[in-house]
Amino acid sequence: MIELLKLIGNVMGKRVEPRFVANPVGGYMMSQQADLSKIARELGYAPTISLKQGIAEIVSYRKTKPEPPASLSY
């Protein structure tokens, strides 16, 4: 999460300091690792853009449309 926060800050041109808070979700795993190997194996999926490029596209879009989305449920 710290690396992701740094990446978002770099894309936005801002220094963002993490703020550590107690996790309100019980039973949450303390360490997680994203792994695309199963989706690659099962569906042949491979990302076509980097995480940095994807974040840059989202930041650019949100700068032109700063209003919050109507729902965070997709």
PDB file of N, CA and C in Angstrom:
ATOM      1  N   MET A   1       0.819  -1.190   0.000  1.00  0.00           N
ATOM      2  CA  MET A   1       0.000   0.000   0.000  1.00  0.00           C
ATOM      3  C   MET A   1       0.866   1.259   0.000  1.00  0.00           C
ATOM      4  N   ILE A   2       1.981   1.203   0.709  1.00  0.00           N
ATOM      5  CA  ILE A   2       2.859   2.373   0.734  1.00  0.00           C
ATOM      6  C   ILE A   2       3.427   2.631  -0.662  1.00  0.00           C
ATOM      7  N   GLU A   3       3.810   1.567  -1.364  1.00  0.00           N
ATOM      8  CA  GLU A   3       4.332   1.733  -2.725  1.00  0.00           C
ATOM      9  C   GLU A   3       3.266   2.295  -3.650  1.00  0.00           C
ATOM     10  N   LEU A   4       2.025   1.834  -3.492  1.00  0.00           N
ATOM     11  CA  LEU A   4       0.928   2.340  -4.312  1.00  0.00           C
ATOM     12  C   LEU A   4       0.678   3.818  -4.019  1.00  0.00           C
ATOM     13  N   LEU A   5       0.710   4.187  -2.755  1.00  0.00           N
ATOM     14  CA  LEU A   5       0.529   5.578  -2.370  1.00  0.00           C
ATOM     15  C   LEU A   5       1.621   6.453  -2.980  1.00  0.00           C
ATOM     16  N   LYS A   6       2.861   5.979  -2.960  1.00  0.00           N
ATOM     17  CA  LYS A   6       3.962   6.733  -3.567  1.00  0.00           C
ATOM     18  C   LYS A   6       3.755   6.883  -5.071  1.00  0.00           C
ATOM     19  N   LEU A   7       3.312   5.810  -5.719  1.00  0.00           N
ATOM     20  CA  LEU A   7       3.078   5.849  -7.164  1.00  0.00           C
ATOM     21  C   LEU A   7       1.995   6.861  -7.500  1.00  0.00           C
ATOM     22  N   ILE A   8       0.895   6.857  -6.760  1.00  0.00           N
ATOM     23  CA  ILE A   8      -0.185   7.815  -7.000  1.00  0.00           C
ATOM     24  C   ILE A   8       0.324   9.236  -6.766  1.00  0.00           C
ATOM     25  N   GLY A   9       1.075   9.447  -5.699  1.00  0.00           N
ATOM     26  CA  GLY A   9       1.644  10.761  -5.424  1.00  0.00           C
ATOM     27  C   GLY A   9       2.552  11.234  -6.537  1.00  0.00           C
ATOM     28  N   ASN A  10       3.398  10.342  -7.040  1.00  0.00           N
ATOM     29  CA  ASN A  10       4.302  10.701  -8.143  1.00  0.00           C
ATOM     30  C   ASN A  10       3.530  11.107  -9.385  1.00  0.00           C
ATOM     31  N   VAL A  11       2.492  10.347  -9.714  1.00  0.00           N
ATOM     32  CA  VAL A  11       1.686  10.660 -10.897  1.00  0.00           C
ATOM     33  C   VAL A  11       1.001  12.015 -10.731  1.00  0.00           C
ATOM     34  N   MET A  12       0.557  12.307  -9.496  1.00  0.00           N
ATOM     35  CA  MET A  12      -0.145  13.565  -9.236  1.00  0.00           C
ATOM     36  C   MET A  12       0.816  14.728  -8.988  1.00  0.00           C
ATOM     37  N   GLY A  13       2.118  14.405  -8.865  1.00  0.00           N
ATOM     38  CA  GLY A  13       3.097  15.453  -8.605  1.00  0.00           C
ATOM     39  C   GLY A  13       3.015  15.995  -7.186  1.00  0.00           C
ATOM     40  N   LYS A  14       2.599  15.138  -6.249  1.00  0.00           N
ATOM     41  CA  LYS A  14       2.452  15.543  -4.854  1.00  0.00           C
ATOM     42  C   LYS A  14       3.114  14.519  -3.952  1.00  0.00           C
ATOM     43  N   ARG A  15       3.574  14.995  -2.819  1.00  0.00           N
ATOM     44  CA  ARG A  15       4.109  14.085  -1.805  1.00  0.00           C
ATOM     45  C   ARG A  15       2.966  13.771  -0.842  1.00  0.00           C
ATOM     46  N   VAL A  16       2.633  12.512  -0.752  1.00  0.00           N
ATOM     47  CA  VAL A  16       1.537  12.085   0.103  1.00  0.00           C
ATOM     48  C   VAL A  16       2.115  11.215   1.210  1.00  0.00           C
ATOM     49  N   GLU A  17       1.922  11.642   2.438  1.00  0.00           N
ATOM     50  CA  GLU A  17       2.415  10.876   3.580  1.00  0.00           C
ATOM     51  C   GLU A  17       1.349   9.881   4.029  1.00  0.00           C
ATOM     52  N   PRO A  18       1.731   8.634   4.230  1.00  0.00           N
ATOM     53  CA  PRO A  18       0.738   7.663   4.706  1.00  0.00           C
ATOM     54  C   PRO A  18       0.316   7.977   6.135  1.00  0.00           C
ATOM     55  N   ARG A  19      -0.910   7.651   6.439  1.00  0.00           N
ATOM     56  CA  ARG A  19      -1.432   7.787   7.795  1.00  0.00           C
ATOM     57  C   ARG A  19      -1.904   6.399   8.209  1.00  0.00           C
ATOM     58  N   PHE A  20      -1.295   5.876   9.222  1.00  0.00           N
ATOM     59  CA  PHE A  20      -1.603   4.525   9.667  1.00  0.00           C
ATOM     60  C   PHE A  20      -2.712   4.568  10.708  1.00  0.00           C
ATOM     61  N   VAL A  21      -3.760   3.797  10.461  1.00  0.00           N
ATOM     62  CA  VAL A  21      -4.897   3.736  11.375  1.00  0.00           C
ATOM     63  C   VAL A  21      -5.210   2.272  11.668  1.00  0.00           C
ATOM     64  N   ALA A  22      -5.897   2.036  12.765  1.00  0.00           N
ATOM     65  CA  ALA A  22      -6.311   0.670  13.095  1.00  0.00           C
ATOM     66  C   ALA A  22      -7.291   0.172  12.036  1.00  0.00           C
ATOM     67  N   ASN A  23      -7.156  -1.074  11.662  1.00  0.00           N
ATOM     68  CA  ASN A  23      -8.029  -1.653  10.650  1.00  0.00           C
ATOM     69  C   ASN A  23      -9.386  -1.987  11.271  1.00  0.00           C
ATOM     70  N   PRO A  24     -10.470  -1.388  10.754  1.00  0.00           N
ATOM     71  CA  PRO A  24     -11.789  -1.641  11.325  1.00  0.00           C
ATOM     72  C   PRO A  24     -12.405  -2.967  10.873  1.00  0.00           C
ATOM     73  N   VAL A  25     -11.785  -3.640   9.925  1.00  0.00           N
ATOM     74  CA  VAL A  25     -12.332  -4.884   9.388  1.00  0.00           C
ATOM     75  C   VAL A  25     -11.692  -6.066  10.107  1.00  0.00           C
ATOM     76  N   GLY A  26     -12.475  -6.814  10.847  1.00  0.00           N
ATOM     77  CA  GLY A  26     -11.950  -7.977  11.557  1.00  0.00           C
ATOM     78  C   GLY A  26     -11.602  -9.105  10.604  1.00  0.00           C
ATOM     79  N   GLY A  27     -10.577  -9.856  10.923  1.00  0.00           N
ATOM     80  CA  GLY A  27     -10.199 -11.003  10.100  1.00  0.00           C
ATOM     81  C   GLY A  27      -9.468 -10.642   8.823  1.00  0.00           C
ATOM     82  N   TYR A  28      -9.067  -9.404   8.706  1.00  0.00           N
ATOM     83  CA  TYR A  28      -8.370  -8.942   7.499  1.00  0.00           C
ATOM     84  C   TYR A  28      -6.964  -9.533   7.460  1.00  0.00           C
ATOM     85  N   MET A  29      -6.536  -9.975   6.305  1.00  0.00           N
ATOM     86  CA  MET A  29      -5.190 -10.518   6.155  1.00  0.00           C
ATOM     87  C   MET A  29      -4.160  -9.406   6.271  1.00  0.00           C
ATOM     88  N   MET A  30      -3.113  -9.635   7.029  1.00  0.00           N
ATOM     89  CA  MET A  30      -2.091  -8.609   7.221  1.00  0.00           C
ATOM     90  C   MET A  30      -1.179  -8.443   6.010  1.00  0.00           C
ATOM     91  N   SER A  31      -1.032  -9.484   5.212  1.00  0.00           N
ATOM     92  CA  SER A  31      -0.227  -9.341   4.005  1.00  0.00           C
ATOM     93  C   SER A  31      -0.959  -9.997   2.844  1.00  0.00           C
ATOM     94  N   GLN A  32      -0.994  -9.308   1.754  1.00  0.00           N
ATOM     95  CA  GLN A  32      -1.645  -9.816   0.556  1.00  0.00           C
ATOM     96  C   GLN A  32      -0.713  -9.588  -0.622  1.00  0.00           C
ATOM     97  N   GLN A  33      -0.784 -10.464  -1.565  1.00  0.00           N
ATOM     98  CA  GLN A  33       0.013 -10.307  -2.768  1.00  0.00           C
ATOM     99  C   GLN A  33      -0.883 -10.552  -3.974  1.00  0.00           C
ATOM    100  N   ALA A  34      -0.994  -9.548  -4.816  1.00  0.00           N
ATOM    101  CA  ALA A  34      -1.770  -9.707  -6.041  1.00  0.00           C
ATOM    102  C   ALA A  34      -1.003 -10.628  -6.982  1.00  0.00           C
ATOM    103  N   ASP A  35      -1.727 -11.499  -7.638  1.00  0.00           N
ATOM    104  CA  ASP A  35      -1.090 -12.467  -8.526  1.00  0.00           C
ATOM    105  C   ASP A  35      -2.002 -12.699  -9.724  1.00  0.00           C
ATOM    106  N   LEU A  36      -1.500 -12.428 -10.909  1.00  0.00           N
ATOM    107  CA  LEU A  36      -2.291 -12.590 -12.126  1.00  0.00           C
ATOM    108  C   LEU A  36      -2.073 -13.939 -12.799  1.00  0.00           C
ATOM    109  N   SER A  37      -1.306 -14.820 -12.173  1.00  0.00           N
ATOM    110  CA  SER A  37      -0.962 -16.076 -12.848  1.00  0.00           C
ATOM    111  C   SER A  37      -2.191 -16.949 -13.138  1.00  0.00           C
ATOM    112  N   LYS A  38      -3.166 -16.991 -12.241  1.00  0.00           N
ATOM    113  CA  LYS A  38      -4.338 -17.840 -12.477  1.00  0.00           C
ATOM    114  C   LYS A  38      -5.183 -17.307 -13.629  1.00  0.00           C
ATOM    115  N   ILE A  39      -5.434 -16.000 -13.660  1.00  0.00           N
ATOM    116  CA  ILE A  39      -6.236 -15.452 -14.755  1.00  0.00           C
ATOM    117  C   ILE A  39      -5.485 -15.569 -16.088  1.00  0.00           C
ATOM    118  N   ALA A  40      -4.168 -15.471 -16.029  1.00  0.00           N
ATOM    119  CA  ALA A  40      -3.370 -15.658 -17.246  1.00  0.00           C
ATOM    120  C   ALA A  40      -3.485 -17.102 -17.725  1.00  0.00           C
ATOM    121  N   ARG A  41      -3.373 -18.031 -16.794  1.00  0.00           N
ATOM    122  CA  ARG A  41      -3.445 -19.453 -17.134  1.00  0.00           C
ATOM    123  C   ARG A  41      -4.845 -19.847 -17.610  1.00  0.00           C
ATOM    124  N   GLU A  42      -5.882 -19.423 -16.885  1.00  0.00           N
ATOM    125  CA  GLU A  42      -7.250 -19.845 -17.187  1.00  0.00           C
ATOM    126  C   GLU A  42      -7.870 -19.118 -18.377  1.00  0.00           C
ATOM    127  N   LEU A  43      -7.583 -17.833 -18.503  1.00  0.00           N
ATOM    128  CA  LEU A  43      -8.249 -17.030 -19.538  1.00  0.00           C
ATOM    129  C   LEU A  43      -7.302 -16.427 -20.565  1.00  0.00           C
ATOM    130  N   GLY A  44      -6.007 -16.600 -20.353  1.00  0.00           N
ATOM    131  CA  GLY A  44      -5.043 -16.022 -21.273  1.00  0.00           C
ATOM    132  C   GLY A  44      -4.921 -14.515 -21.148  1.00  0.00           C
ATOM    133  N   TYR A  45      -5.343 -13.975 -20.007  1.00  0.00           N
ATOM    134  CA  TYR A  45      -5.300 -12.526 -19.806  1.00  0.00           C
ATOM    135  C   TYR A  45      -3.885 -12.053 -19.529  1.00  0.00           C
ATOM    136  N   ALA A  46      -3.540 -10.935 -20.131  1.00  0.00           N
ATOM    137  CA  ALA A  46      -2.291 -10.239 -19.825  1.00  0.00           C
ATOM    138  C   ALA A  46      -2.585  -8.746 -19.870  1.00  0.00           C
ATOM    139  N   PRO A  47      -2.158  -7.998 -18.854  1.00  0.00           N
ATOM    140  CA  PRO A  47      -2.412  -6.557 -18.865  1.00  0.00           C
ATOM    141  C   PRO A  47      -1.769  -5.890 -20.077  1.00  0.00           C
ATOM    142  N   THR A  48      -2.427  -4.859 -20.575  1.00  0.00           N
ATOM    143  CA  THR A  48      -1.895  -4.163 -21.750  1.00  0.00           C
ATOM    144  C   THR A  48      -1.285  -2.815 -21.392  1.00  0.00           C
ATOM    145  N   ILE A  49      -1.540  -2.330 -20.168  1.00  0.00           N
ATOM    146  CA  ILE A  49      -0.918  -1.093 -19.705  1.00  0.00           C
ATOM    147  C   ILE A  49      -0.353  -1.320 -18.306  1.00  0.00           C
ATOM    148  N   SER A  50       0.624  -0.513 -17.935  1.00  0.00           N
ATOM    149  CA  SER A  50       1.229  -0.646 -16.615  1.00  0.00           C
ATOM    150  C   SER A  50       0.321  -0.010 -15.556  1.00  0.00           C
ATOM    151  N   LEU A  51       0.561  -0.348 -14.309  1.00  0.00           N
ATOM    152  CA  LEU A  51      -0.183   0.251 -13.212  1.00  0.00           C
ATOM    153  C   LEU A  51       0.006   1.765 -13.220  1.00  0.00           C
ATOM    154  N   LYS A  52       1.242   2.219 -13.423  1.00  0.00           N
ATOM    155  CA  LYS A  52       1.527   3.656 -13.455  1.00  0.00           C
ATOM    156  C   LYS A  52       0.735   4.345 -14.561  1.00  0.00           C
ATOM    157  N   GLN A  53       0.698   3.755 -15.745  1.00  0.00           N
ATOM    158  CA  GLN A  53      -0.049   4.349 -16.863  1.00  0.00           C
ATOM    159  C   GLN A  53      -1.541   4.376 -16.546  1.00  0.00           C
ATOM    160  N   GLY A  54      -2.064   3.305 -15.948  1.00  0.00           N
ATOM    161  CA  GLY A  54      -3.486   3.264 -15.587  1.00  0.00           C
ATOM    162  C   GLY A  54      -3.839   4.335 -14.578  1.00  0.00           C
ATOM    163  N   ILE A  55      -2.990   4.500 -13.570  1.00  0.00           N
ATOM    164  CA  ILE A  55      -3.234   5.548 -12.572  1.00  0.00           C
ATOM    165  C   ILE A  55      -3.172   6.917 -13.223  1.00  0.00           C
ATOM    166  N   ALA A  56      -2.201   7.120 -14.117  1.00  0.00           N
ATOM    167  CA  ALA A  56      -2.074   8.408 -14.812  1.00  0.00           C
ATOM    168  C   ALA A  56      -3.338   8.707 -15.625  1.00  0.00           C
ATOM    169  N   GLU A  57      -3.911   7.703 -16.266  1.00  0.00           N
ATOM    170  CA  GLU A  57      -5.134   7.901 -17.046  1.00  0.00           C
ATOM    171  C   GLU A  57      -6.309   8.275 -16.138  1.00  0.00           C
ATOM    172  N   ILE A  58      -6.412   7.622 -14.984  1.00  0.00           N
ATOM    173  CA  ILE A  58      -7.489   7.927 -14.043  1.00  0.00           C
ATOM    174  C   ILE A  58      -7.333   9.345 -13.507  1.00  0.00           C
ATOM    175  N   VAL A  59      -6.118   9.721 -13.122  1.00  0.00           N
ATOM    176  CA  VAL A  59      -5.867  11.068 -12.605  1.00  0.00           C
ATOM    177  C   VAL A  59      -6.209  12.106 -13.668  1.00  0.00           C
ATOM    178  N   SER A  60      -5.781  11.874 -14.894  1.00  0.00           N
ATOM    179  CA  SER A  60      -6.071  12.809 -15.980  1.00  0.00           C
ATOM    180  C   SER A  60      -7.585  12.949 -16.191  1.00  0.00           C
ATOM    181  N   TYR A  61      -8.286  11.844 -16.188  1.00  0.00           N
ATOM    182  CA  TYR A  61      -9.742  11.861 -16.369  1.00  0.00           C
ATOM    183  C   TYR A  61     -10.423  12.604 -15.227  1.00  0.00           C
ATOM    184  N   ARG A  62     -10.004  12.322 -13.988  1.00  0.00           N
ATOM    185  CA  ARG A  62     -10.638  12.952 -12.829  1.00  0.00           C
ATOM    186  C   ARG A  62     -10.359  14.455 -12.790  1.00  0.00           C
ATOM    187  N   LYS A  63      -9.252  14.900 -13.370  1.00  0.00           N
ATOM    188  CA  LYS A  63      -8.981  16.339 -13.434  1.00  0.00           C
ATOM    189  C   LYS A  63      -9.991  17.032 -14.342  1.00  0.00           C
ATOM    190  N   THR A  64     -10.469  16.350 -15.371  1.00  0.00           N
ATOM    191  CA  THR A  64     -11.462  16.934 -16.280  1.00  0.00           C
ATOM    192  C   THR A  64     -12.876  16.735 -15.753  1.00  0.00           C
ATOM    193  N   LYS A  65     -13.076  15.755 -14.876  1.00  0.00           N
ATOM    194  CA  LYS A  65     -14.385  15.470 -14.299  1.00  0.00           C
ATOM    195  C   LYS A  65     -14.218  15.286 -12.792  1.00  0.00           C
ATOM    196  N   PRO A  66     -14.069  16.404 -12.058  1.00  0.00           N
ATOM    197  CA  PRO A  66     -13.752  16.310 -10.630  1.00  0.00           C
ATOM    198  C   PRO A  66     -14.908  15.874  -9.727  1.00  0.00           C
ATOM    199  N   GLU A  67     -16.132  15.843 -10.245  1.00  0.00           N
ATOM    200  CA  GLU A  67     -17.248  15.448  -9.393  1.00  0.00           C
ATOM    201  C   GLU A  67     -17.115  13.969  -9.008  1.00  0.00           C
ATOM    202  N   PRO A  68     -17.518  13.627  -7.801  1.00  0.00           N
ATOM    203  CA  PRO A  68     -17.420  12.223  -7.385  1.00  0.00           C
ATOM    204  C   PRO A  68     -18.384  11.356  -8.180  1.00  0.00           C
ATOM    205  N   PRO A  69     -18.051  10.084  -8.368  1.00  0.00           N
ATOM    206  CA  PRO A  69     -18.970   9.187  -9.067  1.00  0.00           C
ATOM    207  C   PRO A  69     -20.280   9.060  -8.287  1.00  0.00           C
ATOM    208  N   ALA A  70     -21.373   8.792  -8.990  1.00  0.00           N
ATOM    209  CA  ALA A  70     -22.688   8.651  -8.345  1.00  0.00           C
ATOM    210  C   ALA A  70     -22.690   7.483  -7.380  1.00  0.00           C
ATOM    211  N   SER A  71     -21.907   6.442  -7.705  1.00  0.00           N
ATOM    212  CA  SER A  71     -21.867   5.259  -6.850  1.00  0.00           C
ATOM    213  C   SER A  71     -20.512   4.622  -6.964  1.00  0.00           C
ATOM    214  N   LEU A  72     -20.057   4.051  -5.879  1.00  0.00           N
ATOM    215  CA  LEU A  72     -18.797   3.302  -5.923  1.00  0.00           C
ATOM    216  C   LEU A  72     -19.070   1.819  -6.128  1.00  0.00           C
ATOM    217  N   SER A  73     -20.336   1.477  -6.330  1.00  0.00           N
ATOM    218  CA  SER A  73     -20.711   0.090  -6.610  1.00  0.00           C
ATOM    219  C   SER A  73     -20.704  -0.120  -8.103  1.00  0.00           C
ATOM    220  N   TYR A  74     -19.881  -1.015  -8.555  1.00  0.00           N
ATOM    221  CA  TYR A  74     -19.806  -1.258  -9.999  1.00  0.00           C
ATOM    222  C   TYR A  74     -20.474  -2.531 -10.272  1.00  0.00           C
TER     223      TYR A  74
END
